Amino acid sequence: MSLSRRELFRTAPIAAVAAGLNTRYASAEPLIVRMQEPRNLETALSDLFTAKTDKFFVRSHFAVPEVDPKTFKLTVEGHVGNKLELTLDDLKKMESVSREIVLECAGNGRVFLVPQARGLQWGHGAVGQAKWTGVPLGAVLERAKVKASAGDVVLIGADKGTIADPATPGAINFDRGIPLAKAKKDETLLVWNMNDEPLTASHGAPLRALVGGWYGMASVKWLSRIVVLDKPHAGFWQTLDYSVWDRPKDGLPQLVPVTAIQPKAVITSPAPGTVQLAKKSAGGMVGYAWAGEHAVAKVEVSADGGKTWSAAKLWGKSEPFQAVEWRSDIVLPRGPRTLLARCTDDKGNTQAATRDADRRSYMINHLVPVEVTVK
């Protein structure tokens, strides 16, 4: 599908330039500050998927809570037959697992929305992949003897505060409910290590949830309580916030919680505004792609705004829950060029050319152009 230049520029507003995407992504700065307090930090495009913890994006809704690992206890209660109070040592005595899993903020790419949407103005860098070590949430729920009629499993963090827009009913904890079926999946973990090191405070120490394949709002940091309900959770963070419109064919539009990560390809080189020097032509595009619960099947690139497409090479094996590097030696003729990349997952889902407004300010995976000049 080819996009007109007007449509392309609507996907990459001037706000992106104002946010410093074309210069700061090419810099050596470890992280880009998107908010000072609570601390919200974005990975530079040049450092995307480096697997280094100090370059991994940070998303916080409230100030980092003080949680003493020595006195920490995780409570598991609600629709269970056996209420639990587990220390960190109790959890570590269980059979642990380590998995490489992508974590992406639900608002990643929000700076590219037109008109500008409320929320943190992330570029492409609110995403990363790490090696997470912990215990499957399903094993903990099995120990708690979850009742057969259980519904959502609510993950509750120790962080707490108020939100003005939309307004919360006073101070509330950050929480997220996930269906029992997802909670029992192998990719849903309670983790204490990140990249073979203890979690840092900014990444949720001493314990956080890691819900593989879903956007980051489900991976609750500073996890302190788990409450099993006998129905779907209707909390603030999945009704008024972190929700999108669903339009069923036989019903009225309704808000539903944000869940699975959508397929996405990002160009990391050339960077926006890059001037490439060559005698006749220049070639080469590099980037990453990921598709949440699914593997990346293919990545295609275009150097003419989507009029023509060619296949890029996946650099390594594509796996569900993980990102894969891709490379293309496509020739870039001299002059201004509009570069695009699109990902298709192993279920046939492909990035859309234009934005779906029903997704509000979340699940942002439409095509975003990179403008370069080849001289």
Protein backbone atom coordinates (compact mmCIF):
# COMPACT_ATOMS: atom_id res chain seq x y z
CA MET A 1 0.00 0.00 0.00
CA SER A 2 1.45 3.38 -0.99
CA LEU A 3 1.02 6.45 1.19
CA SER A 4 0.84 10.00 -0.05
CA ARG A 5 3.47 12.40 1.33
CA ARG A 6 0.69 14.22 3.18
CA GLU A 7 -0.38 10.96 4.87
CA LEU A 8 3.21 10.09 5.68
CA PHE A 9 3.95 13.40 7.33
CA ARG A 10 0.75 13.13 9.36
CA THR A 11 2.27 10.00 10.92
CA ALA A 12 5.48 11.85 11.87
CA PRO A 13 4.48 15.27 13.25
CA ILE A 14 6.72 18.18 14.02
CA ALA A 15 6.38 17.16 17.67
CA ALA A 16 8.75 14.29 16.91
CA VAL A 17 11.46 16.72 15.87
CA ALA A 18 10.73 18.91 18.88
CA ALA A 19 11.17 15.83 21.08
CA GLY A 20 14.68 15.44 19.74
CA LEU A 21 14.19 12.16 17.92
CA ASN A 22 16.43 12.99 14.98
CA THR A 23 19.40 14.07 17.10
CA ARG A 24 19.14 12.43 20.48
CA TYR A 25 18.60 8.99 18.99
CA ALA A 26 21.91 9.33 17.21
CA SER A 27 23.74 10.49 20.37
CA ALA A 28 25.65 8.48 22.95
CA GLU A 29 23.35 9.50 25.81
CA PRO A 30 22.39 6.38 27.81
CA LEU A 31 18.73 7.30 28.32
CA ILE A 32 16.38 10.10 27.26
CA VAL A 33 14.42 11.77 30.06
CA ARG A 34 10.69 11.89 29.25
CA MET A 35 9.65 12.85 32.79
CA GLN A 36 11.74 13.75 35.81
CA GLU A 37 9.34 12.68 38.56
CA PRO A 38 8.06 10.07 38.48
CA ARG A 39 11.12 8.99 36.54
CA ASN A 40 10.42 7.95 32.95
CA LEU A 41 13.37 7.23 30.69
CA GLU A 42 13.57 6.18 27.05
CA THR A 43 16.21 4.08 25.33
CA ALA A 44 18.11 5.88 22.55
CA LEU A 45 17.43 4.43 19.12
CA SER A 46 21.12 3.59 18.71
CA ASP A 47 20.92 1.46 21.88
CA LEU A 48 17.68 -0.35 21.10
CA PHE A 49 17.81 -4.02 22.17
CA THR A 50 21.36 -3.83 23.51
CA ALA A 51 20.18 -6.03 26.46
CA LYS A 52 22.01 -3.71 28.86
CA THR A 53 20.04 -2.90 31.99
CA ASP A 54 21.41 0.63 32.31
CA LYS A 55 20.09 1.39 28.81
CA PHE A 56 16.69 -0.24 29.30
CA PHE A 57 13.71 2.12 29.29
CA VAL A 58 12.02 2.96 32.60
CA ARG A 59 8.25 3.44 33.02
CA SER A 60 6.89 4.67 36.34
CA HIS A 61 3.39 5.90 37.18
CA PHE A 62 4.25 7.07 40.71
CA ALA A 63 7.38 7.62 42.78
CA VAL A 64 9.52 4.54 43.42
CA PRO A 65 8.29 2.97 46.68
CA GLU A 66 10.67 1.88 49.42
CA VAL A 67 10.48 -1.90 49.73
CA ASP A 68 12.92 -3.71 52.02
CA PRO A 69 13.82 -7.10 50.48
CA LYS A 70 14.53 -8.50 53.97
CA THR A 71 10.99 -7.88 55.21
CA PHE A 72 9.22 -8.21 51.86
CA LYS A 73 6.22 -10.52 51.64
CA LEU A 74 4.01 -11.30 48.66
CA THR A 75 0.40 -11.93 49.63
CA VAL A 76 -1.76 -14.19 47.44
CA GLU A 77 -5.44 -14.10 48.40
CA GLY A 78 -9.01 -13.85 47.17
CA HIS A 79 -10.65 -16.67 45.27
CA VAL A 80 -8.14 -19.26 46.52
CA GLY A 81 -8.26 -22.19 48.88
CA ASN A 82 -4.89 -21.44 50.46
CA LYS A 83 -3.92 -17.85 51.25
CA LEU A 84 -0.16 -17.33 50.91
CA GLU A 85 2.41 -14.98 52.37
CA LEU A 86 5.69 -15.59 50.58
CA THR A 87 9.07 -14.03 51.27
CA LEU A 88 11.60 -13.52 48.51
CA ASP A 89 13.51 -16.53 49.85
CA ASP A 90 10.32 -18.63 49.69
CA LEU A 91 9.95 -17.76 46.01
CA LYS A 92 13.60 -18.44 45.26
CA LYS A 93 13.30 -21.93 46.75
CA MET A 94 10.77 -22.78 44.05
CA GLU A 95 11.93 -24.00 40.64
CA SER A 96 13.08 -20.91 38.78
CA VAL A 97 13.24 -20.23 35.03
CA SER A 98 15.03 -17.69 32.84
CA ARG A 99 13.59 -16.32 29.60
CA GLU A 100 14.48 -13.68 27.04
CA ILE A 101 11.33 -11.57 26.64
CA VAL A 102 10.52 -8.22 25.02
CA LEU A 103 8.87 -5.58 27.19
CA GLU A 104 7.15 -2.68 25.40
CA CYS A 105 5.23 0.23 26.88
CA ALA A 106 1.65 0.42 25.61
CA GLY A 107 2.30 4.06 24.62
CA ASN A 108 5.56 3.45 22.77
CA GLY A 109 5.56 5.67 19.66
CA ARG A 110 2.99 8.12 21.04
CA VAL A 111 4.94 11.13 19.77
CA PHE A 112 3.98 10.08 16.23
CA LEU A 113 0.23 10.42 16.85
CA VAL A 114 -1.67 13.25 15.14
CA PRO A 115 -3.19 15.16 16.83
CA GLN A 116 -0.93 14.94 19.85
CA ALA A 117 -2.36 12.59 22.46
CA ARG A 118 -2.16 12.90 26.23
CA GLY A 119 0.51 10.87 27.97
CA LEU A 120 4.27 10.56 27.81
CA GLN A 121 5.62 11.48 24.39
CA TRP A 122 7.64 8.34 23.74
CA GLY A 123 9.55 7.93 20.49
CA HIS A 124 10.45 4.38 19.47
CA GLY A 125 12.54 3.65 22.56
CA ALA A 126 10.03 2.56 25.22
CA VAL A 127 10.84 -1.05 24.41
CA GLY A 128 13.60 -3.49 25.25
CA GLN A 129 14.49 -7.12 25.70
CA ALA A 130 16.09 -8.66 28.77
CA LYS A 131 16.79 -12.02 30.34
CA TRP A 132 14.30 -12.35 33.18
CA THR A 133 14.68 -14.88 36.00
CA GLY A 134 11.98 -15.87 38.43
CA VAL A 135 9.21 -18.34 39.10
CA PRO A 136 6.15 -18.99 36.90
CA LEU A 137 3.08 -17.23 38.28
CA GLY A 138 1.16 -20.41 37.52
CA ALA A 139 3.25 -22.35 40.04
CA VAL A 140 2.44 -19.81 42.76
CA LEU A 141 -1.26 -19.92 41.90
CA GLU A 142 -1.19 -23.71 42.03
CA ARG A 143 0.27 -23.53 45.54
CA ALA A 144 -2.54 -21.12 46.49
CA LYS A 145 -5.11 -23.62 45.19
CA VAL A 146 -7.00 -21.26 42.90
CA LYS A 147 -10.69 -22.13 42.80
CA ALA A 148 -12.21 -23.52 39.61
CA SER A 149 -14.50 -20.50 39.12
CA ALA A 150 -11.65 -17.96 39.28
CA GLY A 151 -11.68 -15.05 36.85
CA ASP A 152 -8.98 -12.38 36.67
CA VAL A 153 -5.75 -12.44 38.63
CA VAL A 154 -5.03 -8.91 39.89
CA LEU A 155 -1.37 -7.93 40.24
CA ILE A 156 -0.88 -5.06 42.67
CA GLY A 157 2.26 -2.95 43.06
CA ALA A 158 3.50 -1.12 46.14
CA ASP A 159 3.60 2.19 44.23
CA LYS A 160 0.71 4.50 44.96
CA GLY A 161 -0.59 7.96 44.05
CA THR A 162 -3.27 9.99 42.32
CA ILE A 163 -3.98 10.74 38.67
CA ALA A 164 -5.76 13.94 37.62
CA ASP A 165 -6.85 13.05 34.09
CA PRO A 166 -8.86 10.92 34.20
CA ALA A 167 -9.26 11.40 37.93
CA THR A 168 -8.69 8.54 40.34
CA PRO A 169 -10.81 8.10 43.50
CA GLY A 170 -8.02 9.42 45.70
CA ALA A 171 -4.66 7.66 45.99
CA ILE A 172 -4.60 4.21 44.42
CA ASN A 173 -1.98 1.53 43.82
CA PHE A 174 -0.95 0.62 40.32
CA ASP A 175 -2.56 -2.71 39.47
CA ARG A 176 -3.53 -4.82 36.53
CA GLY A 177 -5.89 -7.76 36.14
CA ILE A 178 -5.07 -10.56 33.71
CA PRO A 179 -7.22 -13.58 32.86
CA LEU A 180 -6.39 -16.76 34.75
CA ALA A 181 -5.50 -18.50 31.48
CA LYS A 182 -2.78 -15.91 30.73
CA ALA A 183 -1.60 -15.95 34.35
CA LYS A 184 -0.93 -19.69 34.06
CA LYS A 185 1.02 -19.43 30.78
CA ASP A 186 4.73 -20.27 30.80
CA GLU A 187 5.64 -16.73 29.74
CA THR A 188 4.02 -15.14 32.80
CA LEU A 189 6.60 -14.88 35.57
CA LEU A 190 7.32 -13.31 38.93
CA VAL A 191 10.92 -12.15 38.51
CA TRP A 192 13.70 -10.96 40.80
CA ASN A 193 16.60 -10.93 38.32
CA MET A 194 17.14 -8.96 35.13
CA ASN A 195 20.09 -9.85 32.91
CA ASP A 196 21.53 -12.13 35.61
CA GLU A 197 21.57 -9.32 38.18
CA PRO A 198 19.07 -8.45 40.94
CA LEU A 199 16.31 -6.10 39.78
CA THR A 200 17.09 -2.45 40.37
CA ALA A 201 14.63 -0.21 42.18
CA SER A 202 13.63 1.51 38.93
CA HIS A 203 12.78 -1.84 37.36
CA GLY A 204 10.61 -3.04 40.24
CA ALA A 205 12.85 -4.56 42.93
CA PRO A 206 12.55 -6.75 44.79
CA LEU A 207 9.84 -8.46 42.69
CA ARG A 208 7.90 -7.66 39.56
CA ALA A 209 5.51 -9.44 37.26
CA LEU A 210 6.57 -10.16 33.69
CA VAL A 211 3.65 -10.94 31.38
CA GLY A 212 5.35 -12.06 28.19
CA GLY A 213 3.77 -10.96 24.91
CA TRP A 214 1.58 -8.28 26.50
CA TYR A 215 2.27 -4.58 26.73
CA GLY A 216 4.20 -3.43 29.77
CA MET A 217 1.26 -2.16 31.83
CA ALA A 218 0.57 -5.81 32.76
CA SER A 219 4.11 -6.36 34.06
CA VAL A 220 3.46 -4.72 37.42
CA LYS A 221 6.56 -3.50 39.26
CA TRP A 222 7.16 -3.65 43.03
CA LEU A 223 4.66 -6.49 43.19
CA SER A 224 3.24 -6.83 46.71
CA ARG A 225 -0.20 -8.45 46.40
CA ILE A 226 -2.02 -10.85 44.14
CA VAL A 227 -5.80 -11.00 44.44
CA VAL A 228 -7.70 -13.69 42.52
CA LEU A 229 -11.22 -12.60 41.59
CA ASP A 230 -14.23 -14.64 40.51
CA LYS A 231 -14.93 -12.17 37.70
CA PRO A 232 -13.08 -9.81 35.31
CA HIS A 233 -11.28 -6.94 37.03
CA ALA A 234 -12.77 -3.49 36.35
CA GLY A 235 -10.05 -1.35 37.93
CA PHE A 236 -8.93 2.12 36.89
CA TRP A 237 -5.92 0.85 34.94
CA GLN A 238 -7.94 -1.22 32.47
CA THR A 239 -11.16 0.75 32.12
CA LEU A 240 -10.46 4.49 32.25
CA ASP A 241 -6.81 4.00 31.33
CA TYR A 242 -4.92 1.42 29.26
CA SER A 243 -8.05 0.57 27.31
CA VAL A 244 -9.09 0.77 23.65
CA TRP A 245 -12.34 0.73 21.74
CA ASP A 246 -13.69 -2.55 20.43
CA ARG A 247 -16.41 -2.54 17.77
CA PRO A 248 -18.17 -5.91 17.75
CA LYS A 249 -20.23 -6.61 14.64
CA ASP A 250 -23.35 -7.39 16.61
CA GLY A 251 -23.05 -4.87 19.44
CA LEU A 252 -22.15 -1.35 20.56
CA PRO A 253 -18.57 -0.03 20.81
CA GLN A 254 -17.07 -0.79 24.20
CA LEU A 255 -13.79 -0.19 25.98
CA VAL A 256 -11.63 -3.28 26.44
CA PRO A 257 -8.25 -3.61 28.20
CA VAL A 258 -5.02 -3.31 26.23
CA THR A 259 -3.43 -6.75 26.01
CA ALA A 260 -1.16 -8.27 23.33
CA ILE A 261 1.80 -6.53 21.72
CA GLN A 262 1.26 -5.88 18.01
CA PRO A 263 3.81 -6.58 15.23
CA LYS A 264 6.23 -3.74 14.66
CA ALA A 265 9.42 -3.02 12.70
CA VAL A 266 11.65 -0.05 13.53
CA ILE A 267 14.47 1.39 11.43
CA THR A 268 17.55 2.11 13.56
CA SER A 269 19.87 3.06 10.69
CA PRO A 270 19.78 5.40 8.84
CA ALA A 271 18.52 7.72 11.57
CA PRO A 272 16.03 10.49 10.73
CA GLY A 273 17.74 13.40 8.99
CA THR A 274 20.87 11.39 8.21
CA VAL A 275 22.82 12.52 5.14
CA GLN A 276 24.43 9.56 3.44
CA LEU A 277 27.47 10.18 1.28
CA ALA A 278 28.07 8.10 -1.84
CA LYS A 279 29.37 8.57 -5.38
CA LYS A 280 26.28 7.20 -7.13
CA SER A 281 24.06 5.54 -4.59
CA ALA A 282 23.97 4.34 -1.02
CA GLY A 283 22.50 1.20 0.39
CA GLY A 284 21.67 -0.35 3.70
CA MET A 285 18.89 -0.28 6.22
CA VAL A 286 19.03 -1.91 9.63
CA GLY A 287 16.48 -2.32 12.40
CA TYR A 288 14.54 -4.60 14.71
CA ALA A 289 11.14 -6.26 14.63
CA TRP A 290 8.99 -8.00 17.22
CA ALA A 291 5.46 -9.38 17.41
CA GLY A 292 4.56 -10.13 21.02
CA GLU A 293 3.21 -13.64 21.51
CA HIS A 294 4.07 -14.51 17.91
CA ALA A 295 7.26 -14.87 15.91
CA VAL A 296 8.24 -12.40 13.19
CA ALA A 297 7.59 -14.05 9.81
CA LYS A 298 9.01 -11.31 7.58
CA VAL A 299 10.11 -7.69 7.39
CA GLU A 300 9.72 -5.60 4.25
CA VAL A 301 11.32 -2.24 3.49
CA SER A 302 10.56 0.60 1.11
CA ALA A 303 12.69 3.54 0.00
CA ASP A 304 9.91 5.36 -1.89
CA GLY A 305 7.22 5.93 0.72
CA GLY A 306 5.51 2.59 0.25
CA LYS A 307 5.17 2.50 -3.55
CA THR A 308 7.41 -0.56 -3.78
CA TRP A 309 8.56 -3.05 -1.15
CA SER A 310 11.40 -5.55 -0.89
CA ALA A 311 12.17 -8.26 1.65
CA ALA A 312 14.72 -7.66 4.38
CA LYS A 313 16.82 -10.46 5.84
CA LEU A 314 16.12 -11.59 9.38
CA TRP A 315 19.45 -11.65 11.18
CA GLY A 316 19.00 -14.64 13.45
CA LYS A 317 16.12 -16.93 14.35
CA SER A 318 12.78 -15.32 15.07
CA GLU A 319 11.09 -16.52 18.26
CA PRO A 320 7.81 -15.61 19.99
CA PHE A 321 8.22 -13.00 22.75
CA GLN A 322 11.56 -11.85 21.30
CA ALA A 323 12.87 -9.21 18.93
CA VAL A 324 14.91 -10.05 15.84
CA GLU A 325 17.37 -7.84 13.99
CA TRP A 326 16.81 -7.35 10.28
CA ARG A 327 19.01 -5.96 7.54
CA SER A 328 18.48 -4.82 3.97
CA ASP A 329 20.97 -3.84 1.28
CA ILE A 330 18.30 -1.94 -0.65
CA VAL A 331 19.82 0.76 -2.87
CA LEU A 332 18.92 4.32 -1.90
CA PRO A 333 19.20 6.58 -4.97
CA ARG A 334 20.42 10.11 -4.48
CA GLY A 335 18.00 12.74 -3.24
CA PRO A 336 15.35 12.89 -0.53
CA ARG A 337 14.07 9.46 0.46
CA THR A 338 11.14 8.29 2.57
CA LEU A 339 12.05 5.01 4.23
CA LEU A 340 9.53 2.59 5.69
CA ALA A 341 9.69 -0.84 7.33
CA ARG A 342 6.82 -3.17 8.13
CA CYS A 343 6.57 -6.41 10.05
CA THR A 344 4.31 -9.41 9.48
CA ASP A 345 3.96 -12.05 12.21
CA ASP A 346 3.59 -15.80 11.81
CA LYS A 347 -0.22 -15.47 11.96
CA GLY A 348 -0.29 -13.13 8.95
CA ASN A 349 -0.85 -9.90 10.90
CA THR A 350 0.90 -6.95 9.21
CA GLN A 351 1.46 -3.41 10.41
CA ALA A 352 -1.20 -1.04 9.11
CA ALA A 353 -0.22 1.88 6.91
CA THR A 354 -2.26 4.37 8.93
CA ARG A 355 -3.31 4.81 12.53
CA ASP A 356 -6.42 3.13 13.99
CA ALA A 357 -8.09 5.86 16.08
CA ASP A 358 -9.99 3.25 18.12
CA ARG A 359 -6.72 2.43 19.83
CA ARG A 360 -6.76 5.86 21.49
CA SER A 361 -3.16 6.56 22.59
CA TYR A 362 -2.05 2.92 22.86
CA MET A 363 -0.91 -0.04 20.73
CA ILE A 364 0.91 2.23 18.27
CA ASN A 365 2.27 0.18 15.39
CA HIS A 366 1.27 1.98 12.22
CA LEU A 367 4.01 2.77 9.67
CA VAL A 368 6.27 5.68 10.61
CA PRO A 369 8.46 7.21 7.85
CA VAL A 370 12.15 7.99 8.21
CA GLU A 371 13.22 10.91 6.03
CA VAL A 372 16.82 10.86 4.77
CA THR A 373 18.79 12.66 2.09
CA VAL A 374 21.27 10.75 -0.01
CA LYS A 375 24.02 12.84 -1.60
